Amino acid sequence: MNILPIRFQPLAFVLSGLLTGSSANAAPQHDAEHDHDRARQALSRGEVRPITEILTQVATEVPGEVVEVEFERSRRHGAEAWIYELKIMAEDGRLLEVQVDAATSRVLVAEEKD
């Protein structure tokens, strides 16, 4: 049974890299190869929400197709936080970069990429 909405199905390839450690499409400046390990460990420690929950929440606020996912540690307001950085192709064709607090599923930043 498919548990993700149809708009998330193209994300299977992107998530497979995050969850299995495939680095074939990893950007050279980002250590995407280890994102899945960090995400799994943070989830087991209760520091973040499951990625399916994050994606469901983001879809209600920023509709479109998720084309890339990164998981990183970031400093926000003087404190360390886990952030999911999503690249989303909006329904009107714009490419958006969306930063999401991985602990709360709250969208922090949504901006158009050039």
PDB file of N, CA and C in Angstrom:
ATOM      1  N   MET A   1       0.845  -1.181   0.000  1.00  0.00           N
ATOM      2  CA  MET A   1       0.000   0.000   0.000  1.00  0.00           C
ATOM      3  C   MET A   1       0.885   1.236   0.000  1.00  0.00           C
ATOM      4  N   ASN A   2       0.595   2.179  -0.864  1.00  0.00           N
ATOM      5  CA  ASN A   2       1.364   3.419  -0.961  1.00  0.00           C
ATOM      6  C   ASN A   2       0.859   4.397   0.081  1.00  0.00           C
ATOM      7  N   ILE A   3       1.727   4.852   0.987  1.00  0.00           N
ATOM      8  CA  ILE A   3       1.284   5.733   2.061  1.00  0.00           C
ATOM      9  C   ILE A   3       1.493   7.210   1.755  1.00  0.00           C
ATOM     10  N   LEU A   4       2.240   7.543   0.705  1.00  0.00           N
ATOM     11  CA  LEU A   4       2.469   8.941   0.378  1.00  0.00           C
ATOM     12  C   LEU A   4       1.496   9.395  -0.698  1.00  0.00           C
ATOM     13  N   PRO A   5       1.036  10.648  -0.617  1.00  0.00           N
ATOM     14  CA  PRO A   5       0.186  11.179  -1.683  1.00  0.00           C
ATOM     15  C   PRO A   5       0.935  11.127  -3.007  1.00  0.00           C
ATOM     16  N   ILE A   6       0.193  11.124  -4.099  1.00  0.00           N
ATOM     17  CA  ILE A   6       0.775  11.003  -5.430  1.00  0.00           C
ATOM     18  C   ILE A   6       1.835  12.075  -5.665  1.00  0.00           C
ATOM     19  N   ARG A   7       1.645  13.301  -5.159  1.00  0.00           N
ATOM     20  CA  ARG A   7       2.627  14.355  -5.428  1.00  0.00           C
ATOM     21  C   ARG A   7       3.984  14.048  -4.822  1.00  0.00           C
ATOM     22  N   PHE A   8       4.063  13.102  -3.860  1.00  0.00           N
ATOM     23  CA  PHE A   8       5.328  12.741  -3.243  1.00  0.00           C
ATOM     24  C   PHE A   8       5.983  11.537  -3.912  1.00  0.00           C
ATOM     25  N   GLN A   9       5.307  10.860  -4.818  1.00  0.00           N
ATOM     26  CA  GLN A   9       5.874   9.677  -5.442  1.00  0.00           C
ATOM     27  C   GLN A   9       7.166   9.962  -6.199  1.00  0.00           C
ATOM     28  N   PRO A  10       7.304  11.086  -6.929  1.00  0.00           N
ATOM     29  CA  PRO A  10       8.586  11.347  -7.585  1.00  0.00           C
ATOM     30  C   PRO A  10       9.718  11.533  -6.584  1.00  0.00           C
ATOM     31  N   LEU A  11       9.369  11.770  -5.348  1.00  0.00           N
ATOM     32  CA  LEU A  11      10.366  11.953  -4.300  1.00  0.00           C
ATOM     33  C   LEU A  11      11.050  10.650  -3.919  1.00  0.00           C
ATOM     34  N   ALA A  12      10.516   9.524  -4.347  1.00  0.00           N
ATOM     35  CA  ALA A  12      11.082   8.231  -3.962  1.00  0.00           C
ATOM     36  C   ALA A  12      12.567   8.148  -4.288  1.00  0.00           C
ATOM     37  N   PHE A  13      12.958   8.635  -5.446  1.00  0.00           N
ATOM     38  CA  PHE A  13      14.371   8.592  -5.825  1.00  0.00           C
ATOM     39  C   PHE A  13      15.213   9.466  -4.907  1.00  0.00           C
ATOM     40  N   VAL A  14      14.731  10.681  -4.613  1.00  0.00           N
ATOM     41  CA  VAL A  14      15.456  11.597  -3.735  1.00  0.00           C
ATOM     42  C   VAL A  14      15.584  11.000  -2.348  1.00  0.00           C
ATOM     43  N   LEU A  15      14.487  10.484  -1.817  1.00  0.00           N
ATOM     44  CA  LEU A  15      14.512   9.899  -0.478  1.00  0.00           C
ATOM     45  C   LEU A  15      15.339   8.631  -0.426  1.00  0.00           C
ATOM     46  N   SER A  16      15.373   7.880  -1.527  1.00  0.00           N
ATOM     47  CA  SER A  16      16.178   6.667  -1.497  1.00  0.00           C
ATOM     48  C   SER A  16      17.633   7.025  -1.254  1.00  0.00           C
ATOM     49  N   GLY A  17      18.091   8.145  -1.794  1.00  0.00           N
ATOM     50  CA  GLY A  17      19.446   8.607  -1.522  1.00  0.00           C
ATOM     51  C   GLY A  17      19.616   9.018  -0.080  1.00  0.00           C
ATOM     52  N   LEU A  18      18.619   9.678   0.478  1.00  0.00           N
ATOM     53  CA  LEU A  18      18.692  10.100   1.870  1.00  0.00           C
ATOM     54  C   LEU A  18      18.667   8.904   2.808  1.00  0.00           C
ATOM     55  N   LEU A  19      17.840   7.922   2.500  1.00  0.00           N
ATOM     56  CA  LEU A  19      17.665   6.797   3.409  1.00  0.00           C
ATOM     57  C   LEU A  19      18.678   5.677   3.194  1.00  0.00           C
ATOM     58  N   THR A  20      19.213   5.538   1.970  1.00  0.00           N
ATOM     59  CA  THR A  20      20.143   4.439   1.724  1.00  0.00           C
ATOM     60  C   THR A  20      21.587   4.888   1.615  1.00  0.00           C
ATOM     61  N   GLY A  21      21.791   6.194   1.531  1.00  0.00           N
ATOM     62  CA  GLY A  21      23.158   6.694   1.475  1.00  0.00           C
ATOM     63  C   GLY A  21      23.728   6.804   0.082  1.00  0.00           C
ATOM     64  N   SER A  22      22.914   6.688  -0.946  1.00  0.00           N
ATOM     65  CA  SER A  22      23.414   6.851  -2.308  1.00  0.00           C
ATOM     66  C   SER A  22      23.884   8.279  -2.495  1.00  0.00           C
ATOM     67  N   SER A  23      25.075   8.435  -3.033  1.00  0.00           N
ATOM     68  CA  SER A  23      25.595   9.783  -3.230  1.00  0.00           C
ATOM     69  C   SER A  23      25.731  10.133  -4.703  1.00  0.00           C
ATOM     70  N   ALA A  24      25.081   9.401  -5.571  1.00  0.00           N
ATOM     71  CA  ALA A  24      25.221   9.637  -7.004  1.00  0.00           C
ATOM     72  C   ALA A  24      24.812  11.054  -7.384  1.00  0.00           C
ATOM     73  N   ASN A  25      23.788  11.615  -6.724  1.00  0.00           N
ATOM     74  CA  ASN A  25      23.311  12.947  -7.053  1.00  0.00           C
ATOM     75  C   ASN A  25      23.674  13.965  -5.993  1.00  0.00           C
ATOM     76  N   ALA A  26      24.573  13.642  -5.090  1.00  0.00           N
ATOM     77  CA  ALA A  26      24.931  14.555  -4.012  1.00  0.00           C
ATOM     78  C   ALA A  26      25.721  15.737  -4.554  1.00  0.00           C
ATOM     79  N   ALA A  27      25.368  16.923  -4.077  1.00  0.00           N
ATOM     80  CA  ALA A  27      26.122  18.113  -4.457  1.00  0.00           C
ATOM     81  C   ALA A  27      27.486  18.063  -3.792  1.00  0.00           C
ATOM     82  N   PRO A  28      28.528  18.468  -4.478  1.00  0.00           N
ATOM     83  CA  PRO A  28      29.874  18.359  -3.939  1.00  0.00           C
ATOM     84  C   PRO A  28      30.071  19.088  -2.621  1.00  0.00           C
ATOM     85  N   GLN A  29      29.378  20.230  -2.405  1.00  0.00           N
ATOM     86  CA  GLN A  29      29.590  20.997  -1.198  1.00  0.00           C
ATOM     87  C   GLN A  29      28.786  20.473  -0.007  1.00  0.00           C
ATOM     88  N   HIS A  30      27.946  19.505  -0.184  1.00  0.00           N
ATOM     89  CA  HIS A  30      27.114  18.984   0.897  1.00  0.00           C
ATOM     90  C   HIS A  30      27.388  17.508   1.099  1.00  0.00           C
ATOM     91  N   ASP A  31      27.433  17.102   2.336  1.00  0.00           N
ATOM     92  CA  ASP A  31      27.725  15.714   2.678  1.00  0.00           C
ATOM     93  C   ASP A  31      26.426  14.898   2.737  1.00  0.00           C
ATOM     94  N   ALA A  32      25.694  14.846   1.608  1.00  0.00           N
ATOM     95  CA  ALA A  32      24.404  14.150   1.558  1.00  0.00           C
ATOM     96  C   ALA A  32      24.550  12.661   1.822  1.00  0.00           C
ATOM     97  N   GLU A  33      25.741  12.119   1.590  1.00  0.00           N
ATOM     98  CA  GLU A  33      25.963  10.694   1.800  1.00  0.00           C
ATOM     99  C   GLU A  33      25.648  10.285   3.241  1.00  0.00           C
ATOM    100  N   HIS A  34      25.854  11.188   4.172  1.00  0.00           N
ATOM    101  CA  HIS A  34      25.640  10.842   5.574  1.00  0.00           C
ATOM    102  C   HIS A  34      24.359  11.433   6.152  1.00  0.00           C
ATOM    103  N   ASP A  35      23.551  12.128   5.332  1.00  0.00           N
ATOM    104  CA  ASP A  35      22.292  12.684   5.821  1.00  0.00           C
ATOM    105  C   ASP A  35      21.410  11.612   6.443  1.00  0.00           C
ATOM    106  N   HIS A  36      21.317  10.458   5.787  1.00  0.00           N
ATOM    107  CA  HIS A  36      20.425   9.412   6.285  1.00  0.00           C
ATOM    108  C   HIS A  36      20.858   8.930   7.657  1.00  0.00           C
ATOM    109  N   ASP A  37      22.155   8.818   7.902  1.00  0.00           N
ATOM    110  CA  ASP A  37      22.637   8.376   9.210  1.00  0.00           C
ATOM    111  C   ASP A  37      22.291   9.395  10.287  1.00  0.00           C
ATOM    112  N   ARG A  38      22.567  10.669   9.992  1.00  0.00           N
ATOM    113  CA  ARG A  38      22.260  11.725  10.966  1.00  0.00           C
ATOM    114  C   ARG A  38      20.763  11.803  11.233  1.00  0.00           C
ATOM    115  N   ALA A  39      19.954  11.697  10.186  1.00  0.00           N
ATOM    116  CA  ALA A  39      18.503  11.771  10.351  1.00  0.00           C
ATOM    117  C   ALA A  39      17.983  10.592  11.171  1.00  0.00           C
ATOM    118  N   ARG A  40      18.466   9.408  10.877  1.00  0.00           N
ATOM    119  CA  ARG A  40      18.026   8.217  11.610  1.00  0.00           C
ATOM    120  C   ARG A  40      18.405   8.314  13.089  1.00  0.00           C
ATOM    121  N   GLN A  41      19.628   8.760  13.367  1.00  0.00           N
ATOM    122  CA  GLN A  41      20.075   8.893  14.758  1.00  0.00           C
ATOM    123  C   GLN A  41      19.283   9.972  15.495  1.00  0.00           C
ATOM    124  N   ALA A  42      19.053  11.104  14.854  1.00  0.00           N
ATOM    125  CA  ALA A  42      18.285  12.185  15.480  1.00  0.00           C
ATOM    126  C   ALA A  42      16.847  11.745  15.740  1.00  0.00           C
ATOM    127  N   LEU A  43      16.265  10.979  14.821  1.00  0.00           N
ATOM    128  CA  LEU A  43      14.909  10.465  15.015  1.00  0.00           C
ATOM    129  C   LEU A  43      14.871   9.493  16.188  1.00  0.00           C
ATOM    130  N   SER A  44      15.845   8.609  16.282  1.00  0.00           N
ATOM    131  CA  SER A  44      15.851   7.632  17.383  1.00  0.00           C
ATOM    132  C   SER A  44      16.053   8.314  18.740  1.00  0.00           C
ATOM    133  N   ARG A  45      16.710   9.469  18.751  1.00  0.00           N
ATOM    134  CA  ARG A  45      16.887  10.225  19.997  1.00  0.00           C
ATOM    135  C   ARG A  45      15.699  11.124  20.292  1.00  0.00           C
ATOM    136  N   GLY A  46      14.724  11.157  19.392  1.00  0.00           N
ATOM    137  CA  GLY A  46      13.540  11.991  19.588  1.00  0.00           C
ATOM    138  C   GLY A  46      13.776  13.463  19.305  1.00  0.00           C
ATOM    139  N   GLU A  47      14.827  13.789  18.552  1.00  0.00           N
ATOM    140  CA  GLU A  47      15.163  15.178  18.270  1.00  0.00           C
ATOM    141  C   GLU A  47      14.434  15.739  17.045  1.00  0.00           C
ATOM    142  N   VAL A  48      13.905  14.857  16.195  1.00  0.00           N
ATOM    143  CA  VAL A  48      13.249  15.300  14.962  1.00  0.00           C
ATOM    144  C   VAL A  48      11.978  14.499  14.727  1.00  0.00           C
ATOM    145  N   ARG A  49      11.133  15.011  13.844  1.00  0.00           N
ATOM    146  CA  ARG A  49       9.908  14.330  13.420  1.00  0.00           C
ATOM    147  C   ARG A  49      10.253  13.436  12.225  1.00  0.00           C
ATOM    148  N   PRO A  50       9.469  12.398  11.977  1.00  0.00           N
ATOM    149  CA  PRO A  50       9.695  11.547  10.800  1.00  0.00           C
ATOM    150  C   PRO A  50       9.556  12.357   9.506  1.00  0.00           C
ATOM    151  N   ILE A  51      10.352  12.007   8.496  1.00  0.00           N
ATOM    152  CA  ILE A  51      10.357  12.739   7.229  1.00  0.00           C
ATOM    153  C   ILE A  51       8.976  12.722   6.561  1.00  0.00           C
ATOM    154  N   THR A  52       8.227  11.640   6.690  1.00  0.00           N
ATOM    155  CA  THR A  52       6.887  11.602   6.077  1.00  0.00           C
ATOM    156  C   THR A  52       5.981  12.652   6.716  1.00  0.00           C
ATOM    157  N   GLU A  53       6.114  12.854   8.015  1.00  0.00           N
ATOM    158  CA  GLU A  53       5.322  13.872   8.703  1.00  0.00           C
ATOM    159  C   GLU A  53       5.747  15.273   8.246  1.00  0.00           C
ATOM    160  N   ILE A  54       7.048  15.474   8.120  1.00  0.00           N
ATOM    161  CA  ILE A  54       7.572  16.762   7.657  1.00  0.00           C
ATOM    162  C   ILE A  54       7.022  17.069   6.262  1.00  0.00           C
ATOM    163  N   LEU A  55       7.105  16.106   5.350  1.00  0.00           N
ATOM    164  CA  LEU A  55       6.665  16.325   3.970  1.00  0.00           C
ATOM    165  C   LEU A  55       5.168  16.581   3.888  1.00  0.00           C
ATOM    166  N   THR A  56       4.392  15.891   4.692  1.00  0.00           N
ATOM    167  CA  THR A  56       2.943  16.101   4.699  1.00  0.00           C
ATOM    168  C   THR A  56       2.610  17.513   5.155  1.00  0.00           C
ATOM    169  N   GLN A  57       3.274  17.974   6.204  1.00  0.00           N
ATOM    170  CA  GLN A  57       3.041  19.328   6.720  1.00  0.00           C
ATOM    171  C   GLN A  57       3.464  20.379   5.698  1.00  0.00           C
ATOM    172  N   VAL A  58       4.633  20.210   5.120  1.00  0.00           N
ATOM    173  CA  VAL A  58       5.137  21.187   4.151  1.00  0.00           C
ATOM    174  C   VAL A  58       4.204  21.266   2.941  1.00  0.00           C
ATOM    175  N   ALA A  59       3.665  20.144   2.501  1.00  0.00           N
ATOM    176  CA  ALA A  59       2.783  20.122   1.322  1.00  0.00           C
ATOM    177  C   ALA A  59       1.547  20.992   1.519  1.00  0.00           C
ATOM    178  N   THR A  60       1.096  21.146   2.755  1.00  0.00           N
ATOM    179  CA  THR A  60      -0.073  21.987   3.014  1.00  0.00           C
ATOM    180  C   THR A  60       0.276  23.471   2.908  1.00  0.00           C
ATOM    181  N   GLU A  61       1.537  23.806   3.137  1.00  0.00           N
ATOM    182  CA  GLU A  61       1.958  25.205   3.117  1.00  0.00           C
ATOM    183  C   GLU A  61       2.657  25.618   1.832  1.00  0.00           C
ATOM    184  N   VAL A  62       3.388  24.678   1.227  1.00  0.00           N
ATOM    185  CA  VAL A  62       4.154  24.961   0.014  1.00  0.00           C
ATOM    186  C   VAL A  62       3.896  23.828  -0.983  1.00  0.00           C
ATOM    187  N   PRO A  63       2.779  23.909  -1.715  1.00  0.00           N
ATOM    188  CA  PRO A  63       2.463  22.832  -2.656  1.00  0.00           C
ATOM    189  C   PRO A  63       3.473  22.760  -3.797  1.00  0.00           C
ATOM    190  N   GLY A  64       3.701  21.558  -4.260  1.00  0.00           N
ATOM    191  CA  GLY A  64       4.607  21.338  -5.373  1.00  0.00           C
ATOM    192  C   GLY A  64       5.288  19.995  -5.238  1.00  0.00           C
ATOM    193  N   GLU A  65       6.262  19.760  -6.104  1.00  0.00           N
ATOM    194  CA  GLU A  65       6.982  18.484  -6.123  1.00  0.00           C
ATOM    195  C   GLU A  65       8.350  18.652  -5.468  1.00  0.00           C
ATOM    196  N   VAL A  66       8.613  17.862  -4.441  1.00  0.00           N
ATOM    197  CA  VAL A  66       9.911  17.896  -3.774  1.00  0.00           C
ATOM    198  C   VAL A  66      10.921  17.212  -4.694  1.00  0.00           C
ATOM    199  N   VAL A  67      11.999  17.933  -5.028  1.00  0.00           N
ATOM    200  CA  VAL A  67      12.992  17.392  -5.949  1.00  0.00           C
ATOM    201  C   VAL A  67      14.342  17.149  -5.282  1.00  0.00           C
ATOM    202  N   GLU A  68      14.523  17.665  -4.070  1.00  0.00           N
ATOM    203  CA  GLU A  68      15.779  17.430  -3.344  1.00  0.00           C
ATOM    204  C   GLU A  68      15.535  17.601  -1.852  1.00  0.00           C
ATOM    205  N   VAL A  69      16.230  16.781  -1.061  1.00  0.00           N
ATOM    206  CA  VAL A  69      16.133  16.851   0.396  1.00  0.00           C
ATOM    207  C   VAL A  69      17.543  16.818   0.980  1.00  0.00           C
ATOM    208  N   GLU A  70      17.822  17.754   1.891  1.00  0.00           N
ATOM    209  CA  GLU A  70      19.071  17.741   2.645  1.00  0.00           C
ATOM    210  C   GLU A  70      18.722  17.844   4.129  1.00  0.00           C
ATOM    211  N   PHE A  71      19.558  17.243   4.965  1.00  0.00           N
ATOM    212  CA  PHE A  71      19.364  17.257   6.415  1.00  0.00           C
ATOM    213  C   PHE A  71      20.637  17.803   7.027  1.00  0.00           C
ATOM    214  N   GLU A  72      20.514  18.891   7.765  1.00  0.00           N
ATOM    215  CA  GLU A  72      21.722  19.532   8.282  1.00  0.00           C
ATOM    216  C   GLU A  72      21.492  20.172   9.640  1.00  0.00           C
ATOM    217  N   ARG A  73      22.599  20.396  10.315  1.00  0.00           N
ATOM    218  CA  ARG A  73      22.593  21.080  11.604  1.00  0.00           C
ATOM    219  C   ARG A  73      22.800  22.559  11.311  1.00  0.00           C
ATOM    220  N   SER A  74      22.012  23.424  11.944  1.00  0.00           N
ATOM    221  CA  SER A  74      22.087  24.844  11.683  1.00  0.00           C
ATOM    222  C   SER A  74      21.943  25.618  12.984  1.00  0.00           C
ATOM    223  N   ARG A  75      22.503  26.799  13.028  1.00  0.00           N
ATOM    224  CA  ARG A  75      22.352  27.668  14.193  1.00  0.00           C
ATOM    225  C   ARG A  75      21.254  28.679  13.881  1.00  0.00           C
ATOM    226  N   ARG A  76      20.203  28.661  14.692  1.00  0.00           N
ATOM    227  CA  ARG A  76      19.082  29.584  14.528  1.00  0.00           C
ATOM    228  C   ARG A  76      18.814  30.252  15.855  1.00  0.00           C
ATOM    229  N   HIS A  77      18.850  31.563  15.855  1.00  0.00           N
ATOM    230  CA  HIS A  77      18.599  32.351  17.063  1.00  0.00           C
ATOM    231  C   HIS A  77      19.493  31.911  18.214  1.00  0.00           C
ATOM    232  N   GLY A  78      20.744  31.623  17.896  1.00  0.00           N
ATOM    233  CA  GLY A  78      21.726  31.280  18.915  1.00  0.00           C
ATOM    234  C   GLY A  78      21.707  29.839  19.395  1.00  0.00           C
ATOM    235  N   ALA A  79      20.821  29.019  18.848  1.00  0.00           N
ATOM    236  CA  ALA A  79      20.738  27.622  19.277  1.00  0.00           C
ATOM    237  C   ALA A  79      20.916  26.691  18.078  1.00  0.00           C
ATOM    238  N   GLU A  80      21.482  25.526  18.320  1.00  0.00           N
ATOM    239  CA  GLU A  80      21.635  24.512  17.281  1.00  0.00           C
ATOM    240  C   GLU A  80      20.275  23.856  17.018  1.00  0.00           C
ATOM    241  N   ALA A  81      19.993  23.584  15.747  1.00  0.00           N
ATOM    242  CA  ALA A  81      18.729  22.942  15.375  1.00  0.00           C
ATOM    243  C   ALA A  81      18.952  22.082  14.144  1.00  0.00           C
ATOM    244  N   TRP A  82      18.183  20.983  14.039  1.00  0.00           N
ATOM    245  CA  TRP A  82      18.185  20.165  12.834  1.00  0.00           C
ATOM    246  C   TRP A  82      17.224  20.805  11.845  1.00  0.00           C
ATOM    247  N   ILE A  83      17.689  20.928  10.608  1.00  0.00           N
ATOM    248  CA  ILE A  83      16.904  21.560   9.551  1.00  0.00           C
ATOM    249  C   ILE A  83      16.828  20.620   8.351  1.00  0.00           C
ATOM    250  N   TYR A  84      15.614  20.481   7.804  1.00  0.00           N
ATOM    251  CA  TYR A  84      15.469  19.856   6.487  1.00  0.00           C
ATOM    252  C   TYR A  84      15.439  20.994   5.480  1.00  0.00           C
ATOM    253  N   GLU A  85      16.290  20.918   4.484  1.00  0.00           N
ATOM    254  CA  GLU A  85      16.273  21.879   3.393  1.00  0.00           C
ATOM    255  C   GLU A  85      15.700  21.157   2.185  1.00  0.00           C
ATOM    256  N   LEU A  86      14.568  21.640   1.716  1.00  0.00           N
ATOM    257  CA  LEU A  86      13.862  21.009   0.602  1.00  0.00           C
ATOM    258  C   LEU A  86      13.901  21.914  -0.610  1.00  0.00           C
ATOM    259  N   LYS A  87      14.109  21.335  -1.761  1.00  0.00           N
ATOM    260  CA  LYS A  87      13.937  22.053  -3.023  1.00  0.00           C
ATOM    261  C   LYS A  87      12.598  21.572  -3.573  1.00  0.00           C
ATOM    262  N   ILE A  88      11.713  22.523  -3.840  1.00  0.00           N
ATOM    263  CA  ILE A  88      10.362  22.192  -4.292  1.00  0.00           C
ATOM    264  C   ILE A  88      10.083  22.914  -5.598  1.00  0.00           C
ATOM    265  N   MET A  89       9.636  22.146  -6.603  1.00  0.00           N
ATOM    266  CA  MET A  89       9.197  22.734  -7.855  1.00  0.00           C
ATOM    267  C   MET A  89       7.725  23.098  -7.663  1.00  0.00           C
ATOM    268  N   ALA A  90       7.454  24.393  -7.563  1.00  0.00           N
ATOM    269  CA  ALA A  90       6.089  24.867  -7.342  1.00  0.00           C
ATOM    270  C   ALA A  90       5.219  24.557  -8.551  1.00  0.00           C
ATOM    271  N   GLU A  91       3.923  24.566  -8.325  1.00  0.00           N
ATOM    272  CA  GLU A  91       2.982  24.246  -9.391  1.00  0.00           C
ATOM    273  C   GLU A  91       3.095  25.211 -10.570  1.00  0.00           C
ATOM    274  N   ASP A  92       3.588  26.441 -10.319  1.00  0.00           N
ATOM    275  CA  ASP A  92       3.737  27.420 -11.399  1.00  0.00           C
ATOM    276  C   ASP A  92       5.127  27.375 -12.038  1.00  0.00           C
ATOM    277  N   GLY A  93       5.959  26.364 -11.661  1.00  0.00           N
ATOM    278  CA  GLY A  93       7.256  26.167 -12.282  1.00  0.00           C
ATOM    279  C   GLY A  93       8.427  26.821 -11.568  1.00  0.00           C
ATOM    280  N   ARG A  94       8.177  27.604 -10.536  1.00  0.00           N
ATOM    281  CA  ARG A  94       9.276  28.229  -9.795  1.00  0.00           C
ATOM    282  C   ARG A  94       9.955  27.185  -8.917  1.00  0.00           C
ATOM    283  N   LEU A  95      11.285  27.310  -8.761  1.00  0.00           N
ATOM    284  CA  LEU A  95      12.029  26.439  -7.860  1.00  0.00           C
ATOM    285  C   LEU A  95      12.156  27.151  -6.520  1.00  0.00           C
ATOM    286  N   LEU A  96      11.668  26.506  -5.477  1.00  0.00           N
ATOM    287  CA  LEU A  96      11.686  27.088  -4.141  1.00  0.00           C
ATOM    288  C   LEU A  96      12.639  26.323  -3.246  1.00  0.00           C
ATOM    289  N   GLU A  97      13.312  27.040  -2.360  1.00  0.00           N
ATOM    290  CA  GLU A  97      14.105  26.418  -1.313  1.00  0.00           C
ATOM    291  C   GLU A  97      13.341  26.641  -0.009  1.00  0.00           C
ATOM    292  N   VAL A  98      13.051  25.549   0.667  1.00  0.00           N
ATOM    293  CA  VAL A  98      12.254  25.618   1.884  1.00  0.00           C
ATOM    294  C   VAL A  98      13.054  25.009   3.022  1.00  0.00           C
ATOM    295  N   GLN A  99      13.227  25.774   4.093  1.00  0.00           N
ATOM    296  CA  GLN A  99      13.896  25.270   5.281  1.00  0.00           C
ATOM    297  C   GLN A  99      12.836  24.975   6.327  1.00  0.00           C
ATOM    298  N   VAL A 100      12.936  23.764   6.901  1.00  0.00           N
ATOM    299  CA  VAL A 100      11.930  23.295   7.844  1.00  0.00           C
ATOM    300  C   VAL A 100      12.615  22.865   9.136  1.00  0.00           C
ATOM    301  N   ASP A 101      12.088  23.314  10.257  1.00  0.00           N
ATOM    302  CA  ASP A 101      12.583  22.859  11.558  1.00  0.00           C
ATOM    303  C   ASP A 101      12.219  21.385  11.682  1.00  0.00           C
ATOM    304  N   ALA A 102      13.218  20.520  11.746  1.00  0.00           N
ATOM    305  CA  ALA A 102      12.970  19.076  11.756  1.00  0.00           C
ATOM    306  C   ALA A 102      12.343  18.603  13.051  1.00  0.00           C
ATOM    307  N   ALA A 103      12.428  19.383  14.117  1.00  0.00           N
ATOM    308  CA  ALA A 103      11.835  18.996  15.401  1.00  0.00           C
ATOM    309  C   ALA A 103      10.349  19.319  15.474  1.00  0.00           C
ATOM    310  N   THR A 104       9.920  20.359  14.740  1.00  0.00           N
ATOM    311  CA  THR A 104       8.532  20.812  14.862  1.00  0.00           C
ATOM    312  C   THR A 104       7.735  20.733  13.570  1.00  0.00           C
ATOM    313  N   SER A 105       8.380  20.485  12.444  1.00  0.00           N
ATOM    314  CA  SER A 105       7.772  20.500  11.103  1.00  0.00           C
ATOM    315  C   SER A 105       7.377  21.905  10.660  1.00  0.00           C
ATOM    316  N   ARG A 106       7.833  22.926  11.355  1.00  0.00           N
ATOM    317  CA  ARG A 106       7.479  24.310  11.037  1.00  0.00           C
ATOM    318  C   ARG A 106       8.346  24.818   9.883  1.00  0.00           C
ATOM    319  N   VAL A 107       7.697  25.404   8.879  1.00  0.00           N
ATOM    320  CA  VAL A 107       8.416  26.021   7.768  1.00  0.00           C
ATOM    321  C   VAL A 107       9.050  27.303   8.286  1.00  0.00           C
ATOM    322  N   LEU A 108      10.370  27.396   8.153  1.00  0.00           N
ATOM    323  CA  LEU A 108      11.124  28.555   8.629  1.00  0.00           C
ATOM    324  C   LEU A 108      11.337  29.590   7.534  1.00  0.00           C
ATOM    325  N   VAL A 109      11.681  29.107   6.352  1.00  0.00           N
ATOM    326  CA  VAL A 109      11.981  29.972   5.213  1.00  0.00           C
ATOM    327  C   VAL A 109      11.480  29.292   3.951  1.00  0.00           C
ATOM    328  N   ALA A 110      10.839  30.055   3.094  1.00  0.00           N
ATOM    329  CA  ALA A 110      10.462  29.571   1.764  1.00  0.00           C
ATOM    330  C   ALA A 110      10.791  30.680   0.796  1.00  0.00           C
ATOM    331  N   GLU A 111      11.800  30.444  -0.059  1.00  0.00           N
ATOM    332  CA  GLU A 111      12.214  31.492  -0.988  1.00  0.00           C
ATOM    333  C   GLU A 111      12.468  30.910  -2.360  1.00  0.00           C
ATOM    334  N   GLU A 112      12.286  31.756  -3.354  1.00  0.00           N
ATOM    335  CA  GLU A 112      12.520  31.346  -4.734  1.00  0.00           C
ATOM    336  C   GLU A 112      14.007  31.299  -5.014  1.00  0.00           C
ATOM    337  N   LYS A 113      14.434  30.231  -5.705  1.00  0.00           N
ATOM    338  CA  LYS A 113      15.833  30.075  -6.118  1.00  0.00           C
ATOM    339  C   LYS A 113      15.954  30.521  -7.560  1.00  0.00           C
ATOM    340  N   ASP A 114      17.094  31.107  -7.885  1.00  0.00           N
ATOM    341  CA  ASP A 114      17.342  31.548  -9.261  1.00  0.00           C
ATOM    342  C   ASP A 114      17.734  30.400 -10.136  1.00  0.00           C
TER     343      ASP A 114
END
